[in-house]
Each structure stands twice: as structure tokens, then as C-alpha cells.
């Protein structure tokens, strides 16, 4: 699996360099790297849909907060801190908790219907 992901990363990097026309150490700075780590952490490490969901939140949040200027990274950092503080498993932990809560409500509703029928 590691070899396959390395192969795909190398191919993607080759396409990226070809589209830019040249490569230098300043092409990819610290910001894209930290945003990638934030996407994984925000979504939930160890889940497949988690980083995808985290990437969507970061990308749309980044575009939505573009008017805030340099404050946008501070606001995104605050959002990440709040989610990690309250949901250490990321957004996927929140989604799992909501699913469990909905199941409990549906079971209670079904039990009430059965009691009324008896």
C-alpha cells in the first residue's frame, strides 16, 4: 500500500511540476503542508471519509473567510482547536455521535408506538 501511494504521489508531483514549468523549494511552503495536516486531523485520522470531509471544511472555510484577510488562518485554527477539543476523533466522531443519537430517538419513538398499540 505504501509503494502504491508513493507511486501515485510521484506521478501527481510530476504533473504538478509540468503544469508549473519549474520547481524550487519555495513552490510548496509551510502553509500547504500545515493545511494538509489540518485536513486530516479535522476530519478524523484513521477513517476514510474523515480527511475528505476535513478537506472540504478547510477548503470551503478558507474560501468563505477570504474576506477576513490574514485573520482567516487564525479563525480556521480556532475552528480546528474547538473541534479537536470537543471531538478528539475529528468531524467523524461528531457524525458517529449524531448517528447514535438519532438511532436512540428512533428506538424510543418506536417503543412509544408499540406501547400505544398494546
C-alpha atoms as a PDB file:
ATOM      1  CA  UNK A   1       0.000   0.000   0.000  1.00  0.00           C
ATOM      2  CA  UNK A   2       2.859   2.343   0.849  1.00  0.00           C
ATOM      3  CA  UNK A   3       4.514   1.664  -2.509  1.00  0.00           C
ATOM      4  CA  UNK A   4       1.260   2.338  -4.378  1.00  0.00           C
ATOM      5  CA  UNK A   5       0.648   5.620  -2.548  1.00  0.00           C
ATOM      6  CA  UNK A   6       4.284   6.647  -3.187  1.00  0.00           C
ATOM      7  CA  UNK A   7       3.884   5.858  -6.885  1.00  0.00           C
ATOM      8  CA  UNK A   8       0.692   7.907  -7.150  1.00  0.00           C
ATOM      9  CA  UNK A   9       2.260  10.779  -5.191  1.00  0.00           C
ATOM     10  CA  UNK A  10       5.272  10.794  -7.502  1.00  0.00           C
ATOM     11  CA  UNK A  11       3.064  10.832 -10.588  1.00  0.00           C
ATOM     12  CA  UNK A  12       0.956  13.670  -9.147  1.00  0.00           C
ATOM     13  CA  UNK A  13       4.129  15.604  -8.305  1.00  0.00           C
ATOM     14  CA  UNK A  14       5.392  15.135 -11.852  1.00  0.00           C
ATOM     15  CA  UNK A  15       2.144  16.509 -13.262  1.00  0.00           C
ATOM     16  CA  UNK A  16       2.281  19.429 -10.807  1.00  0.00           C
ATOM     17  CA  UNK A  17       5.835  20.347 -11.826  1.00  0.00           C
ATOM     18  CA  UNK A  18       4.925  20.027 -15.500  1.00  0.00           C
ATOM     19  CA  UNK A  19       1.974  22.395 -15.049  1.00  0.00           C
ATOM     20  CA  UNK A  20       4.126  24.947 -13.158  1.00  0.00           C
ATOM     21  CA  UNK A  21       7.043  24.778 -15.568  1.00  0.00           C
ATOM     22  CA  UNK A  22       9.733  24.775 -12.883  1.00  0.00           C
ATOM     23  CA  UNK A  23      10.341  23.634  -9.321  1.00  0.00           C
ATOM     24  CA  UNK A  24      12.021  25.303  -6.366  1.00  0.00           C
ATOM     25  CA  UNK A  25      11.998  24.909  -2.579  1.00  0.00           C
ATOM     26  CA  UNK A  26       9.612  27.850  -2.281  1.00  0.00           C
ATOM     27  CA  UNK A  27       6.996  26.254  -4.556  1.00  0.00           C
ATOM     28  CA  UNK A  28       5.356  24.496  -1.642  1.00  0.00           C
ATOM     29  CA  UNK A  29       5.870  26.364   1.609  1.00  0.00           C
ATOM     30  CA  UNK A  30       4.749  25.517   5.105  1.00  0.00           C
ATOM     31  CA  UNK A  31       1.141  26.674   4.644  1.00  0.00           C
ATOM     32  CA  UNK A  32       0.011  23.900   2.222  1.00  0.00           C
ATOM     33  CA  UNK A  33       1.710  21.295   4.406  1.00  0.00           C
ATOM     34  CA  UNK A  34       0.008  22.530   7.568  1.00  0.00           C
ATOM     35  CA  UNK A  35      -3.350  22.758   5.810  1.00  0.00           C
ATOM     36  CA  UNK A  36      -2.979  19.127   4.706  1.00  0.00           C
ATOM     37  CA  UNK A  37      -2.248  18.032   8.280  1.00  0.00           C
ATOM     38  CA  UNK A  38      -5.191  20.121   9.492  1.00  0.00           C
ATOM     39  CA  UNK A  39      -7.490  18.470   6.935  1.00  0.00           C
ATOM     40  CA  UNK A  40      -6.582  15.023   8.221  1.00  0.00           C
ATOM     41  CA  UNK A  41      -6.831  15.972  11.878  1.00  0.00           C
ATOM     42  CA  UNK A  42     -10.071  17.879  11.452  1.00  0.00           C
ATOM     43  CA  UNK A  43     -11.799  15.072   9.593  1.00  0.00           C
ATOM     44  CA  UNK A  44     -10.575  12.273  11.789  1.00  0.00           C
ATOM     45  CA  UNK A  45      -7.389  10.291  11.392  1.00  0.00           C
ATOM     46  CA  UNK A  46      -7.964   6.591  10.823  1.00  0.00           C
ATOM     47  CA  UNK A  47     -11.173   6.945   8.843  1.00  0.00           C
ATOM     48  CA  UNK A  48     -11.565   7.005   5.086  1.00  0.00           C
ATOM     49  CA  UNK A  49     -14.237   9.721   4.702  1.00  0.00           C
ATOM     50  CA  UNK A  50     -12.825  11.823   7.557  1.00  0.00           C
ATOM     51  CA  UNK A  51      -9.927  13.508   5.739  1.00  0.00           C
ATOM     52  CA  UNK A  52     -12.161  14.066   2.698  1.00  0.00           C
ATOM     53  CA  UNK A  53     -14.706  15.806   4.913  1.00  0.00           C
ATOM     54  CA  UNK A  54     -11.921  17.709   6.673  1.00  0.00           C
ATOM     55  CA  UNK A  55     -10.535  18.833   3.306  1.00  0.00           C
ATOM     56  CA  UNK A  56     -13.971  20.074   2.259  1.00  0.00           C
ATOM     57  CA  UNK A  57     -14.365  22.050   5.502  1.00  0.00           C
ATOM     58  CA  UNK A  58     -10.879  23.579   5.207  1.00  0.00           C
ATOM     59  CA  UNK A  59     -11.198  24.443   1.502  1.00  0.00           C
ATOM     60  CA  UNK A  60     -14.690  25.934   1.767  1.00  0.00           C
ATOM     61  CA  UNK A  61     -13.823  27.627   5.065  1.00  0.00           C
ATOM     62  CA  UNK A  62     -10.672  29.057   3.506  1.00  0.00           C
ATOM     63  CA  UNK A  63     -12.655  30.475   0.578  1.00  0.00           C
ATOM     64  CA  UNK A  64     -15.512  31.667   2.781  1.00  0.00           C
ATOM     65  CA  UNK A  65     -13.104  33.502   5.085  1.00  0.00           C
ATOM     66  CA  UNK A  66     -11.024  35.004   2.278  1.00  0.00           C
ATOM     67  CA  UNK A  67     -12.566  38.416   3.013  1.00  0.00           C
ATOM     68  CA  UNK A  68     -11.093  38.243   6.515  1.00  0.00           C
ATOM     69  CA  UNK A  69      -7.587  38.502   5.039  1.00  0.00           C
ATOM     70  CA  UNK A  70      -4.794  37.322   7.297  1.00  0.00           C
ATOM     71  CA  UNK A  71      -7.295  36.676  10.064  1.00  0.00           C
ATOM     72  CA  UNK A  72      -8.665  33.676   8.122  1.00  0.00           C
ATOM     73  CA  UNK A  73      -5.860  31.353   9.207  1.00  0.00           C
ATOM     74  CA  UNK A  74      -6.422  32.384  12.822  1.00  0.00           C
ATOM     75  CA  UNK A  75     -10.155  31.672  12.519  1.00  0.00           C
ATOM     76  CA  UNK A  76      -9.514  28.311  10.838  1.00  0.00           C
ATOM     77  CA  UNK A  77      -7.010  27.493  13.587  1.00  0.00           C
ATOM     78  CA  UNK A  78      -9.602  28.348  16.206  1.00  0.00           C
ATOM     79  CA  UNK A  79     -12.158  26.115  14.490  1.00  0.00           C
ATOM     80  CA  UNK A  80      -9.657  23.254  14.399  1.00  0.00           C
ATOM     81  CA  UNK A  81      -8.834  23.756  18.099  1.00  0.00           C
ATOM     82  CA  UNK A  82     -12.518  23.727  19.065  1.00  0.00           C
ATOM     83  CA  UNK A  83     -13.257  20.580  17.083  1.00  0.00           C
ATOM     84  CA  UNK A  84     -10.216  18.777  18.471  1.00  0.00           C
ATOM     85  CA  UNK A  85     -11.073  19.922  22.000  1.00  0.00           C
ATOM     86  CA  UNK A  86     -14.680  18.726  21.904  1.00  0.00           C
ATOM     87  CA  UNK A  87     -14.309  15.888  19.373  1.00  0.00           C
ATOM     88  CA  UNK A  88     -10.807  14.359  19.556  1.00  0.00           C
ATOM     89  CA  UNK A  89     -11.745  11.942  16.767  1.00  0.00           C
ATOM     90  CA  UNK A  90     -12.489  14.828  14.409  1.00  0.00           C
ATOM     91  CA  UNK A  91     -15.665  15.512  12.494  1.00  0.00           C
ATOM     92  CA  UNK A  92     -16.254  11.785  12.009  1.00  0.00           C
ATOM     93  CA  UNK A  93     -16.603  11.347  15.768  1.00  0.00           C
ATOM     94  CA  UNK A  94     -19.278  14.063  15.718  1.00  0.00           C
ATOM     95  CA  UNK A  95     -21.028  12.304  12.806  1.00  0.00           C
ATOM     96  CA  UNK A  96     -20.909   8.964  14.665  1.00  0.00           C
ATOM     97  CA  UNK A  97     -22.339  10.547  17.813  1.00  0.00           C
ATOM     98  CA  UNK A  98     -25.157  12.148  15.829  1.00  0.00           C
ATOM     99  CA  UNK A  99     -25.986   8.795  14.195  1.00  0.00           C
ATOM    100  CA  UNK A 100     -26.123   7.112  17.612  1.00  0.00           C
ATOM    101  CA  UNK A 101     -28.323   9.906  18.974  1.00  0.00           C
ATOM    102  CA  UNK A 102     -30.725   9.604  16.035  1.00  0.00           C
ATOM    103  CA  UNK A 103     -30.883   5.813  16.487  1.00  0.00           C
ATOM    104  CA  UNK A 104     -31.751   6.242  20.178  1.00  0.00           C
ATOM    105  CA  UNK A 105     -34.508   8.722  19.309  1.00  0.00           C
ATOM    106  CA  UNK A 106     -35.923   6.379  16.665  1.00  0.00           C
ATOM    107  CA  UNK A 107     -35.901   3.426  19.070  1.00  0.00           C
ATOM    108  CA  UNK A 108     -37.678   5.483  21.744  1.00  0.00           C
ATOM    109  CA  UNK A 109     -40.277   6.613  19.212  1.00  0.00           C
ATOM    110  CA  UNK A 110     -40.803   3.024  18.079  1.00  0.00           C
ATOM    111  CA  UNK A 111     -41.176   1.850  21.690  1.00  0.00           C
ATOM    112  CA  UNK A 112     -43.832   4.517  22.328  1.00  0.00           C
ATOM    113  CA  UNK A 113     -45.778   3.327  19.285  1.00  0.00           C
ATOM    114  CA  UNK A 114     -45.616  -0.276  20.493  1.00  0.00           C
ATOM    115  CA  UNK A 115     -46.812   0.709  23.966  1.00  0.00           C
ATOM    116  CA  UNK A 116     -49.745   2.642  22.464  1.00  0.00           C
ATOM    117  CA  UNK A 117     -50.717  -0.348  20.338  1.00  0.00           C
ATOM    118  CA  UNK A 118     -50.852  -2.651  23.369  1.00  0.00           C
END
